[in-house]
Amino acid sequence: MRVTDYLKPVLCRSDHREVSVEQPGYRCVAGIDVHKKMLAVVVRRPTGDSVEYIKRKFGTMKRAIDDHLAAWLREQRVSEVA
């Protein structure tokens, strides 16, 4: 299943304000923006009554992805990546 099947949007594009997430299947998820020389990764996870966003950049070489990115996503307890 896709991430969008589990989650409702958190940010409203028109005014960028957060709305509450009340869906029972809510999980810690990550989005990856792929560039030629770097990957921009944002992890979105619940923290009590709010949502926390963690941003980090990684290289695009195989070792950077296999060692660093994969380990960081496991450390953050990410269940799905889009």
N, C-alpha and C. Protein backbone atom coordinates (compact mmCIF):
# COMPACT_ATOMS: atom_id res chain seq x y z
N MET A 1 0.82 -1.19 0.00
CA MET A 1 0.00 0.00 0.00
C MET A 1 0.86 1.25 0.00
N ARG A 2 0.33 2.32 -0.51
CA ARG A 2 1.05 3.58 -0.56
C ARG A 2 0.89 4.34 0.75
N VAL A 3 1.84 5.23 1.00
CA VAL A 3 1.80 6.06 2.20
C VAL A 3 0.52 6.86 2.25
N THR A 4 0.05 7.35 1.10
CA THR A 4 -1.15 8.18 1.08
C THR A 4 -2.40 7.40 1.48
N ASP A 5 -2.35 6.06 1.42
CA ASP A 5 -3.49 5.28 1.87
C ASP A 5 -3.62 5.30 3.39
N TYR A 6 -2.53 5.60 4.09
CA TYR A 6 -2.55 5.59 5.55
C TYR A 6 -2.74 6.97 6.17
N LEU A 7 -2.27 8.00 5.49
CA LEU A 7 -2.17 9.31 6.12
C LEU A 7 -3.02 10.38 5.44
N LYS A 8 -3.43 11.33 6.25
CA LYS A 8 -4.05 12.54 5.73
C LYS A 8 -2.96 13.60 5.66
N PRO A 9 -3.07 14.59 4.79
CA PRO A 9 -2.05 15.64 4.71
C PRO A 9 -1.96 16.42 6.01
N VAL A 10 -0.76 16.79 6.40
CA VAL A 10 -0.56 17.56 7.62
C VAL A 10 -0.44 19.04 7.32
N LEU A 11 0.13 19.41 6.20
CA LEU A 11 0.28 20.81 5.87
C LEU A 11 -0.73 21.23 4.81
N CYS A 12 -1.36 22.36 5.05
CA CYS A 12 -2.24 22.94 4.05
C CYS A 12 -1.38 23.82 3.16
N ARG A 13 -1.32 23.55 1.88
CA ARG A 13 -0.42 24.30 1.00
C ARG A 13 -0.78 25.79 0.92
N SER A 14 -2.03 26.12 1.12
CA SER A 14 -2.41 27.52 0.97
C SER A 14 -1.89 28.40 2.10
N ASP A 15 -1.86 27.88 3.32
CA ASP A 15 -1.43 28.73 4.44
C ASP A 15 -0.35 28.09 5.31
N HIS A 16 0.07 26.88 5.00
CA HIS A 16 1.14 26.17 5.69
C HIS A 16 0.90 26.03 7.19
N ARG A 17 -0.32 25.81 7.59
CA ARG A 17 -0.57 25.57 9.01
C ARG A 17 -0.81 24.08 9.22
N GLU A 18 -0.44 23.61 10.40
CA GLU A 18 -0.60 22.20 10.69
C GLU A 18 -2.03 21.91 11.14
N VAL A 19 -2.50 20.76 10.79
CA VAL A 19 -3.79 20.28 11.26
C VAL A 19 -3.56 18.98 12.00
N SER A 20 -4.45 18.63 12.90
CA SER A 20 -4.23 17.43 13.70
C SER A 20 -4.40 16.17 12.87
N VAL A 21 -3.67 15.15 13.26
CA VAL A 21 -3.73 13.85 12.61
C VAL A 21 -4.47 12.92 13.56
N GLU A 22 -5.65 12.49 13.18
CA GLU A 22 -6.46 11.67 14.06
C GLU A 22 -6.70 10.28 13.50
N GLN A 23 -5.95 9.90 12.51
CA GLN A 23 -6.11 8.59 11.90
C GLN A 23 -5.36 7.55 12.73
N PRO A 24 -6.00 6.44 13.10
CA PRO A 24 -5.36 5.47 13.98
C PRO A 24 -4.13 4.80 13.40
N GLY A 25 -3.98 4.73 12.10
CA GLY A 25 -2.86 4.06 11.48
C GLY A 25 -1.65 4.96 11.26
N TYR A 26 -1.59 6.10 11.91
CA TYR A 26 -0.51 7.07 11.70
C TYR A 26 0.83 6.48 12.13
N ARG A 27 1.84 6.65 11.27
CA ARG A 27 3.16 6.11 11.52
C ARG A 27 4.23 7.15 11.23
N CYS A 28 5.46 6.81 11.60
CA CYS A 28 6.62 7.62 11.28
C CYS A 28 6.99 7.35 9.82
N VAL A 29 6.98 8.37 8.98
CA VAL A 29 7.24 8.21 7.56
C VAL A 29 8.33 9.17 7.11
N ALA A 30 8.93 8.90 5.94
CA ALA A 30 9.97 9.76 5.39
C ALA A 30 9.70 10.04 3.92
N GLY A 31 10.09 11.22 3.49
CA GLY A 31 10.04 11.59 2.09
C GLY A 31 11.45 11.91 1.62
N ILE A 32 11.80 11.45 0.43
CA ILE A 32 13.14 11.69 -0.11
C ILE A 32 13.04 12.46 -1.41
N ASP A 33 13.72 13.60 -1.47
CA ASP A 33 13.81 14.42 -2.68
C ASP A 33 15.16 14.10 -3.32
N VAL A 34 15.14 13.51 -4.50
CA VAL A 34 16.35 13.02 -5.15
C VAL A 34 16.93 14.09 -6.07
N HIS A 35 18.19 14.44 -5.83
CA HIS A 35 18.93 15.37 -6.68
C HIS A 35 20.14 14.64 -7.27
N LYS A 36 20.85 15.30 -8.12
CA LYS A 36 21.99 14.66 -8.78
C LYS A 36 23.12 14.30 -7.79
N LYS A 37 23.42 15.20 -6.86
CA LYS A 37 24.54 14.98 -5.95
C LYS A 37 24.13 14.83 -4.48
N MET A 38 22.86 14.90 -4.16
CA MET A 38 22.43 14.73 -2.77
C MET A 38 20.98 14.30 -2.69
N LEU A 39 20.65 13.68 -1.56
CA LEU A 39 19.28 13.29 -1.24
C LEU A 39 18.83 14.13 -0.05
N ALA A 40 17.73 14.83 -0.18
CA ALA A 40 17.16 15.60 0.92
C ALA A 40 16.05 14.76 1.53
N VAL A 41 16.18 14.45 2.81
CA VAL A 41 15.26 13.54 3.48
C VAL A 41 14.56 14.28 4.62
N VAL A 42 13.24 14.10 4.72
CA VAL A 42 12.46 14.65 5.82
C VAL A 42 11.70 13.50 6.46
N VAL A 43 11.85 13.37 7.77
CA VAL A 43 11.11 12.37 8.54
C VAL A 43 10.00 13.08 9.28
N ARG A 44 8.82 12.52 9.23
CA ARG A 44 7.64 13.08 9.89
C ARG A 44 7.15 12.06 10.89
N ARG A 45 7.10 12.46 12.18
CA ARG A 45 6.66 11.51 13.19
C ARG A 45 5.84 12.20 14.28
N PRO A 46 4.96 11.44 14.90
CA PRO A 46 4.13 12.02 15.95
C PRO A 46 4.94 12.20 17.24
N THR A 47 4.67 13.28 17.94
CA THR A 47 5.26 13.52 19.26
C THR A 47 4.14 14.00 20.18
N GLY A 48 3.46 13.06 20.78
CA GLY A 48 2.34 13.42 21.63
C GLY A 48 1.18 13.95 20.82
N ASP A 49 0.82 15.23 21.04
CA ASP A 49 -0.31 15.84 20.34
C ASP A 49 0.11 16.60 19.08
N SER A 50 1.40 16.61 18.77
CA SER A 50 1.86 17.36 17.60
C SER A 50 2.65 16.45 16.66
N VAL A 51 3.24 17.07 15.64
CA VAL A 51 4.02 16.35 14.65
C VAL A 51 5.41 16.99 14.59
N GLU A 52 6.44 16.16 14.52
CA GLU A 52 7.82 16.64 14.45
C GLU A 52 8.39 16.34 13.06
N TYR A 53 9.14 17.29 12.50
CA TYR A 53 9.81 17.11 11.22
C TYR A 53 11.32 17.18 11.44
N ILE A 54 12.04 16.19 10.92
CA ILE A 54 13.49 16.15 11.03
C ILE A 54 14.05 16.12 9.61
N LYS A 55 14.96 17.05 9.29
CA LYS A 55 15.52 17.16 7.95
C LYS A 55 17.00 16.78 7.97
N ARG A 56 17.44 16.11 6.92
CA ARG A 56 18.84 15.75 6.79
C ARG A 56 19.19 15.51 5.33
N LYS A 57 20.46 15.75 4.97
CA LYS A 57 20.92 15.54 3.60
C LYS A 57 21.94 14.41 3.57
N PHE A 58 21.93 13.64 2.47
CA PHE A 58 22.84 12.53 2.28
C PHE A 58 23.40 12.58 0.88
N GLY A 59 24.57 11.97 0.69
CA GLY A 59 25.17 11.86 -0.63
C GLY A 59 24.45 10.82 -1.46
N THR A 60 24.75 10.80 -2.74
CA THR A 60 24.08 9.86 -3.65
C THR A 60 24.93 8.65 -4.00
N MET A 61 26.13 8.57 -3.45
CA MET A 61 26.97 7.40 -3.69
C MET A 61 26.38 6.19 -2.95
N LYS A 62 26.59 5.01 -3.50
CA LYS A 62 26.01 3.79 -2.94
C LYS A 62 26.34 3.61 -1.47
N ARG A 63 27.57 3.87 -1.08
CA ARG A 63 27.97 3.69 0.32
C ARG A 63 27.22 4.65 1.25
N ALA A 64 27.03 5.90 0.81
CA ALA A 64 26.30 6.87 1.63
C ALA A 64 24.87 6.43 1.84
N ILE A 65 24.28 5.86 0.81
CA ILE A 65 22.89 5.41 0.91
C ILE A 65 22.80 4.14 1.76
N ASP A 66 23.64 3.17 1.45
CA ASP A 66 23.59 1.88 2.16
C ASP A 66 23.96 2.02 3.63
N ASP A 67 25.02 2.76 3.93
CA ASP A 67 25.49 2.85 5.31
C ASP A 67 24.77 3.93 6.11
N HIS A 68 24.81 5.15 5.62
CA HIS A 68 24.34 6.28 6.41
C HIS A 68 22.83 6.50 6.36
N LEU A 69 22.27 6.57 5.16
CA LEU A 69 20.83 6.82 5.04
C LEU A 69 20.01 5.68 5.64
N ALA A 70 20.35 4.46 5.30
CA ALA A 70 19.59 3.31 5.81
C ALA A 70 19.67 3.23 7.34
N ALA A 71 20.85 3.46 7.90
CA ALA A 71 21.01 3.42 9.36
C ALA A 71 20.22 4.54 10.03
N TRP A 72 20.24 5.74 9.42
CA TRP A 72 19.51 6.86 10.00
C TRP A 72 18.00 6.62 9.98
N LEU A 73 17.48 6.06 8.87
CA LEU A 73 16.05 5.77 8.79
C LEU A 73 15.66 4.71 9.82
N ARG A 74 16.50 3.71 10.04
CA ARG A 74 16.22 2.71 11.09
C ARG A 74 16.25 3.36 12.47
N GLU A 75 17.23 4.22 12.70
CA GLU A 75 17.35 4.92 13.98
C GLU A 75 16.11 5.77 14.27
N GLN A 76 15.56 6.39 13.24
CA GLN A 76 14.36 7.21 13.38
C GLN A 76 13.08 6.37 13.45
N ARG A 77 13.20 5.08 13.25
CA ARG A 77 12.07 4.13 13.27
C ARG A 77 11.02 4.44 12.19
N VAL A 78 11.53 4.74 11.01
CA VAL A 78 10.67 5.04 9.86
C VAL A 78 10.05 3.74 9.36
N SER A 79 8.73 3.74 9.16
CA SER A 79 8.05 2.54 8.69
C SER A 79 7.82 2.54 7.18
N GLU A 80 7.75 3.76 6.57
CA GLU A 80 7.50 3.85 5.14
C GLU A 80 8.25 5.04 4.56
N VAL A 81 8.71 4.89 3.30
CA VAL A 81 9.44 5.94 2.61
C VAL A 81 8.77 6.21 1.27
N ALA A 82 8.65 7.50 0.94
CA ALA A 82 8.06 7.87 -0.37
C ALA A 82 9.00 8.78 -1.10
